[in-house]
Amino acid sequence: MARLIDIGPAVRPLPQILRVRPGDLIKFAATGGDVKSGETVIRRLGVFRTSALGPDGGVLSPEGAPDAVFFLVCNPGSAVLRIVSGDPWGKFETNLIEARSEA
């Protein structure tokens, strides 16, 4: 069964190696990120801003920077992810993580 791997803001420092499987969905609490190498192994789904469902069925979206980046593990192999956290307009931090996907 595929897993939702939620790497929240309390997980700091970020791990240097992340062991995953094809089908896993990875969510980083971050303001940005991309796949530096290994695009056939892991695909970035996008950068998002957390929002909430309002009582009338509308979506409430706060102002501010994005706060989540999602990646989908597609195949076995190795990929390097670049994760950006912090304030994108001020002090931010960039981390490189090797994601190792095993069948």
N, C-alpha and C. Protein backbone atom coordinates (compact mmCIF):
# COMPACT_ATOMS: atom_id res chain seq x y z
N MET A 1 0.83 -1.17 0.00
CA MET A 1 0.00 0.00 0.00
C MET A 1 0.88 1.24 0.00
N ALA A 2 0.53 2.20 -0.82
CA ALA A 2 1.27 3.46 -0.87
C ALA A 2 1.09 4.22 0.44
N ARG A 3 2.06 5.07 0.72
CA ARG A 3 2.04 5.83 1.98
C ARG A 3 2.04 7.32 1.71
N LEU A 4 1.42 8.08 2.60
CA LEU A 4 1.54 9.53 2.62
C LEU A 4 2.58 9.83 3.69
N ILE A 5 3.73 10.34 3.26
CA ILE A 5 4.83 10.64 4.18
C ILE A 5 4.82 12.14 4.42
N ASP A 6 4.40 12.55 5.62
CA ASP A 6 4.25 13.95 5.97
C ASP A 6 5.46 14.40 6.78
N ILE A 7 6.33 15.19 6.16
CA ILE A 7 7.53 15.67 6.83
C ILE A 7 7.24 17.11 7.26
N GLY A 8 6.77 17.23 8.49
CA GLY A 8 6.30 18.50 9.01
C GLY A 8 7.41 19.43 9.45
N PRO A 9 7.04 20.63 9.92
CA PRO A 9 8.04 21.63 10.31
C PRO A 9 8.88 21.23 11.52
N ALA A 10 8.39 20.29 12.33
CA ALA A 10 9.14 19.85 13.51
C ALA A 10 10.29 18.93 13.13
N VAL A 11 10.28 18.40 11.91
CA VAL A 11 11.35 17.50 11.47
C VAL A 11 12.50 18.35 10.93
N ARG A 12 13.36 18.79 11.82
CA ARG A 12 14.53 19.58 11.48
C ARG A 12 15.66 19.14 12.38
N PRO A 13 16.83 18.89 11.87
CA PRO A 13 17.19 19.02 10.47
C PRO A 13 16.54 17.93 9.63
N LEU A 14 16.40 18.20 8.34
CA LEU A 14 15.84 17.21 7.44
C LEU A 14 16.83 16.06 7.26
N PRO A 15 16.33 14.85 7.03
CA PRO A 15 17.26 13.73 6.83
C PRO A 15 18.03 13.88 5.53
N GLN A 16 19.23 13.33 5.50
CA GLN A 16 20.02 13.37 4.27
C GLN A 16 19.57 12.30 3.28
N ILE A 17 19.05 11.19 3.81
CA ILE A 17 18.56 10.09 2.98
C ILE A 17 17.14 9.76 3.40
N LEU A 18 16.28 9.60 2.41
CA LEU A 18 14.88 9.26 2.63
C LEU A 18 14.60 7.97 1.87
N ARG A 19 14.16 6.93 2.58
CA ARG A 19 13.88 5.64 1.94
C ARG A 19 12.38 5.56 1.65
N VAL A 20 12.06 5.42 0.37
CA VAL A 20 10.67 5.45 -0.08
C VAL A 20 10.40 4.27 -1.02
N ARG A 21 9.13 4.14 -1.45
CA ARG A 21 8.72 3.10 -2.39
C ARG A 21 7.88 3.73 -3.49
N PRO A 22 7.87 3.13 -4.68
CA PRO A 22 6.98 3.64 -5.73
C PRO A 22 5.53 3.70 -5.24
N GLY A 23 4.87 4.79 -5.56
CA GLY A 23 3.50 5.03 -5.11
C GLY A 23 3.41 5.94 -3.90
N ASP A 24 4.50 6.10 -3.16
CA ASP A 24 4.49 6.97 -1.98
C ASP A 24 4.30 8.42 -2.39
N LEU A 25 3.56 9.15 -1.58
CA LEU A 25 3.36 10.59 -1.75
C LEU A 25 4.08 11.27 -0.59
N ILE A 26 4.98 12.20 -0.91
CA ILE A 26 5.78 12.88 0.12
C ILE A 26 5.34 14.32 0.20
N LYS A 27 5.04 14.77 1.43
CA LYS A 27 4.68 16.17 1.67
C LYS A 27 5.74 16.77 2.59
N PHE A 28 6.40 17.81 2.12
CA PHE A 28 7.35 18.56 2.94
C PHE A 28 6.70 19.86 3.37
N ALA A 29 6.85 20.23 4.63
CA ALA A 29 6.50 21.56 5.09
C ALA A 29 7.62 22.48 4.62
N ALA A 30 7.39 23.16 3.49
CA ALA A 30 8.45 23.96 2.88
C ALA A 30 7.81 25.00 1.96
N THR A 31 8.60 26.00 1.60
CA THR A 31 8.10 27.04 0.71
C THR A 31 8.43 26.77 -0.75
N GLY A 32 9.25 25.77 -1.01
CA GLY A 32 9.58 25.43 -2.39
C GLY A 32 10.41 24.18 -2.45
N GLY A 33 10.62 23.71 -3.66
CA GLY A 33 11.44 22.53 -3.85
C GLY A 33 11.35 22.04 -5.27
N ASP A 34 12.32 21.23 -5.65
CA ASP A 34 12.33 20.65 -6.99
C ASP A 34 13.12 19.36 -6.97
N VAL A 35 13.07 18.65 -8.10
CA VAL A 35 13.86 17.44 -8.27
C VAL A 35 15.13 17.84 -9.00
N LYS A 36 16.24 17.78 -8.30
CA LYS A 36 17.52 18.20 -8.89
C LYS A 36 18.04 17.14 -9.86
N SER A 37 17.85 15.87 -9.53
CA SER A 37 18.21 14.78 -10.43
C SER A 37 17.31 13.59 -10.11
N GLY A 38 17.05 12.78 -11.12
CA GLY A 38 16.22 11.60 -10.93
C GLY A 38 14.75 11.83 -11.21
N GLU A 39 14.46 12.64 -12.24
CA GLU A 39 13.07 12.97 -12.57
C GLU A 39 12.23 11.76 -12.96
N THR A 40 12.87 10.65 -13.39
CA THR A 40 12.10 9.45 -13.71
C THR A 40 11.74 8.66 -12.45
N VAL A 41 12.41 8.95 -11.34
CA VAL A 41 12.15 8.27 -10.07
C VAL A 41 11.09 9.01 -9.26
N ILE A 42 11.25 10.31 -9.14
CA ILE A 42 10.32 11.14 -8.35
C ILE A 42 9.89 12.34 -9.17
N ARG A 43 8.61 12.66 -9.07
CA ARG A 43 8.05 13.79 -9.80
C ARG A 43 7.49 14.79 -8.79
N ARG A 44 7.82 16.06 -8.98
CA ARG A 44 7.25 17.10 -8.13
C ARG A 44 5.83 17.38 -8.61
N LEU A 45 4.88 17.32 -7.70
CA LEU A 45 3.49 17.61 -8.04
C LEU A 45 3.17 19.08 -7.95
N GLY A 46 3.89 19.80 -7.09
CA GLY A 46 3.66 21.24 -7.00
C GLY A 46 3.93 21.79 -5.62
N VAL A 47 3.85 23.11 -5.57
CA VAL A 47 4.02 23.88 -4.33
C VAL A 47 2.66 24.47 -4.00
N PHE A 48 2.22 24.33 -2.74
CA PHE A 48 0.86 24.68 -2.37
C PHE A 48 0.82 25.56 -1.12
N ARG A 49 -0.32 26.19 -0.91
CA ARG A 49 -0.63 26.94 0.31
C ARG A 49 -1.77 26.20 1.00
N THR A 50 -1.58 25.83 2.26
CA THR A 50 -2.62 25.13 3.00
C THR A 50 -3.84 26.03 3.15
N SER A 51 -4.99 25.47 2.88
CA SER A 51 -6.26 26.19 2.99
C SER A 51 -7.23 25.33 3.79
N ALA A 52 -8.37 25.89 4.13
CA ALA A 52 -9.36 25.17 4.94
C ALA A 52 -10.74 25.31 4.32
N LEU A 53 -11.56 24.32 4.58
CA LEU A 53 -12.94 24.34 4.11
C LEU A 53 -13.78 25.18 5.06
N GLY A 54 -14.48 26.17 4.52
CA GLY A 54 -15.34 27.02 5.32
C GLY A 54 -16.71 26.38 5.54
N PRO A 55 -17.49 26.91 6.47
CA PRO A 55 -18.79 26.32 6.79
C PRO A 55 -19.78 26.35 5.63
N ASP A 56 -19.58 27.26 4.68
CA ASP A 56 -20.49 27.36 3.54
C ASP A 56 -20.01 26.55 2.34
N GLY A 57 -18.95 25.77 2.52
CA GLY A 57 -18.40 24.98 1.42
C GLY A 57 -17.33 25.71 0.64
N GLY A 58 -17.09 26.99 0.94
CA GLY A 58 -16.03 27.74 0.29
C GLY A 58 -14.68 27.37 0.87
N VAL A 59 -13.63 27.76 0.19
CA VAL A 59 -12.27 27.48 0.65
C VAL A 59 -11.64 28.77 1.16
N LEU A 60 -11.12 28.72 2.38
CA LEU A 60 -10.47 29.86 3.01
C LEU A 60 -8.96 29.71 2.84
N SER A 61 -8.34 30.66 2.16
CA SER A 61 -6.90 30.62 1.90
C SER A 61 -6.22 31.82 2.54
N PRO A 62 -5.31 31.58 3.49
CA PRO A 62 -4.62 32.70 4.12
C PRO A 62 -3.60 33.33 3.17
N GLU A 63 -3.27 34.57 3.45
CA GLU A 63 -2.21 35.25 2.70
C GLU A 63 -0.87 34.68 3.13
N GLY A 64 0.11 34.81 2.28
CA GLY A 64 1.45 34.41 2.67
C GLY A 64 2.09 33.46 1.68
N ALA A 65 3.25 33.03 2.06
CA ALA A 65 4.06 32.16 1.21
C ALA A 65 3.48 30.75 1.16
N PRO A 66 3.84 29.98 0.15
CA PRO A 66 3.46 28.56 0.12
C PRO A 66 4.01 27.86 1.36
N ASP A 67 3.39 26.76 1.74
CA ASP A 67 3.87 26.05 2.93
C ASP A 67 3.93 24.53 2.77
N ALA A 68 3.74 24.04 1.55
CA ALA A 68 3.82 22.60 1.33
C ALA A 68 4.29 22.29 -0.09
N VAL A 69 5.15 21.29 -0.19
CA VAL A 69 5.62 20.81 -1.49
C VAL A 69 5.36 19.31 -1.53
N PHE A 70 4.75 18.84 -2.62
CA PHE A 70 4.42 17.43 -2.77
C PHE A 70 5.24 16.79 -3.87
N PHE A 71 5.68 15.56 -3.60
CA PHE A 71 6.42 14.75 -4.56
C PHE A 71 5.77 13.37 -4.63
N LEU A 72 5.74 12.78 -5.81
CA LEU A 72 5.22 11.44 -6.01
C LEU A 72 6.36 10.53 -6.45
N VAL A 73 6.54 9.42 -5.73
CA VAL A 73 7.56 8.44 -6.09
C VAL A 73 6.98 7.56 -7.19
N CYS A 74 7.61 7.57 -8.36
CA CYS A 74 7.07 6.86 -9.53
C CYS A 74 7.75 5.53 -9.81
N ASN A 75 9.06 5.44 -9.59
CA ASN A 75 9.83 4.26 -9.98
C ASN A 75 10.93 3.98 -8.98
N PRO A 76 11.47 2.76 -8.99
CA PRO A 76 12.66 2.48 -8.18
C PRO A 76 13.85 3.28 -8.70
N GLY A 77 14.77 3.57 -7.81
CA GLY A 77 15.97 4.30 -8.19
C GLY A 77 16.32 5.34 -7.15
N SER A 78 17.12 6.31 -7.56
CA SER A 78 17.60 7.35 -6.66
C SER A 78 17.34 8.72 -7.27
N ALA A 79 16.97 9.67 -6.42
CA ALA A 79 16.73 11.04 -6.87
C ALA A 79 17.26 11.99 -5.80
N VAL A 80 17.61 13.19 -6.22
CA VAL A 80 18.03 14.22 -5.28
C VAL A 80 16.98 15.32 -5.31
N LEU A 81 16.44 15.62 -4.12
CA LEU A 81 15.43 16.67 -3.97
C LEU A 81 16.07 17.89 -3.34
N ARG A 82 15.69 19.06 -3.83
CA ARG A 82 16.12 20.33 -3.23
C ARG A 82 14.88 20.88 -2.53
N ILE A 83 14.99 21.09 -1.22
CA ILE A 83 13.87 21.57 -0.41
C ILE A 83 14.23 22.94 0.15
N VAL A 84 13.35 23.91 -0.06
CA VAL A 84 13.57 25.28 0.42
C VAL A 84 12.55 25.55 1.53
N SER A 85 13.04 25.94 2.70
CA SER A 85 12.16 26.26 3.81
C SER A 85 12.52 27.63 4.37
N GLY A 86 11.60 28.18 5.14
CA GLY A 86 11.80 29.52 5.69
C GLY A 86 11.05 30.55 4.88
N ASP A 87 11.43 31.79 5.02
CA ASP A 87 10.78 32.90 4.34
C ASP A 87 11.41 33.10 2.96
N PRO A 88 10.65 32.89 1.89
CA PRO A 88 11.26 33.02 0.56
C PRO A 88 11.71 34.45 0.22
N TRP A 89 11.22 35.45 0.99
CA TRP A 89 11.59 36.84 0.73
C TRP A 89 12.62 37.34 1.73
N GLY A 90 13.02 36.47 2.63
CA GLY A 90 14.00 36.86 3.65
C GLY A 90 14.96 35.72 3.91
N LYS A 91 15.03 35.28 5.17
CA LYS A 91 15.93 34.20 5.54
C LYS A 91 15.31 32.86 5.15
N PHE A 92 16.02 32.12 4.32
CA PHE A 92 15.55 30.79 3.92
C PHE A 92 16.71 29.81 3.96
N GLU A 93 16.36 28.54 3.92
CA GLU A 93 17.35 27.47 4.00
C GLU A 93 17.08 26.47 2.88
N THR A 94 18.14 26.00 2.25
CA THR A 94 18.02 25.00 1.19
C THR A 94 18.70 23.71 1.65
N ASN A 95 17.99 22.59 1.48
CA ASN A 95 18.53 21.28 1.84
C ASN A 95 18.46 20.36 0.64
N LEU A 96 19.47 19.51 0.49
CA LEU A 96 19.46 18.46 -0.52
C LEU A 96 19.23 17.14 0.19
N ILE A 97 18.28 16.36 -0.35
CA ILE A 97 17.92 15.07 0.24
C ILE A 97 18.00 14.02 -0.87
N GLU A 98 18.67 12.92 -0.58
CA GLU A 98 18.68 11.81 -1.53
C GLU A 98 17.51 10.90 -1.18
N ALA A 99 16.62 10.72 -2.13
CA ALA A 99 15.48 9.82 -1.96
C ALA A 99 15.81 8.52 -2.67
N ARG A 100 15.81 7.42 -1.92
CA ARG A 100 16.11 6.11 -2.50
C ARG A 100 14.83 5.30 -2.53
N SER A 101 14.40 4.99 -3.74
CA SER A 101 13.15 4.25 -3.93
C SER A 101 13.48 2.80 -4.25
N GLU A 102 12.91 1.91 -3.46
CA GLU A 102 13.13 0.47 -3.64
C GLU A 102 11.79 -0.18 -3.97
N ALA A 103 11.83 -1.13 -4.89
CA ALA A 103 10.60 -1.81 -5.31
C ALA A 103 10.02 -2.67 -4.21
